[in-house]
């Protein structure tokens, strides 16, 4: 089977990570090892909010049962997450919850759109030594830098998919693979675009280039990042994999087939997927990892709550004969537990459980 036929057959698989290398049969293993390291360094997806005070000790992780009688407890954190996406999360990203899709699919759409749309915040602008803005856009560039520094909304300057086509969940190959986004110099769109790396606190301006079909695989973008801010793409560095040259046409073909490929810098440093990398479906590999974390963590917290039902009742002074409902609310990556009828928020860690404050979510 030819390489192209194999990639066509794999394209669309949500959990397949394809790496093409002309020089190393171990590039894929090295890339997955690096991805596992990044995932571990990023830690859990959720942070359970709450002021932790001395309270009732839970038996999480001990294997001990909290009560032998039925707990009469209502808890469904998957359902709470789905409600968050329907009522708030998707709307923030300019999306609607698609009832025809599974909860995991809607979660992937949310994660993708959330990553594509920078939060509204003041950012420092860093310019590469190589950046060169065409004269016709110089005034626009100055205005754009001012907008970035003042914390203005960048959505009108992002990809046309986000506002014009109302597809903020459409995959962006350059962002998913290399962590590079583009800004138009004007809201109506421009023939040249500004290639950048955008974080919550900074914008690293790489270069201004024509909005051509092969700009998305232009290796000079990674070279400029490597020369100016190597720490920004360090997670994508491969060790023990030889460098190789690959023509633009081959890189573009691989990107269109959702395959990842190593890119070699002038000093021999090799990068692969510093933006997280593409799965065969075109999704960002890190979104897939975060999606898995979300549902694993929801299941973990639900089991912890269920196994400590008696302690929740004690903290709330809740009678055993009355059904107790514990719900979870979300704010970005923070979540908290609460009892909905009284609006009481609860704090829970591996060793403490306490009634904290009134919840008015």
Foldseek 3Di string as FASTA:
>chain_A
DDPLVVLVVQFADPPAAFEDDPFDPCPVVLQVVLLVVVLVVVPFLFDADDDFDFAAWFCPPVPDFQDDDQQLEAEDALVQVLVCCQPPQQVVLLHHDDPVDDSLVSLLLSVQSPLQFAQQDAAAEAEFPPADDDPVLPVLVVVVNVCNRVRHGQVLFFDCCRPVVSRSSDFDLLCLQPQKTWGASDSVGDQKIFIWRDDNHYIYTQYIDGPDLLPSVPCVSVQRCCVGPVVLLVSFWGPPTWADDDDSVVSSSCSVSQHWYWHAYPVGIIGIRSSQGGGSNSRRNVSVVNSVSVVVVSVSVVVSCSSNSVSVCVQVVNDSVDRWYKYWHDDRNYIWIAGPPQQWTWDDDNTRIHTGDGHDD
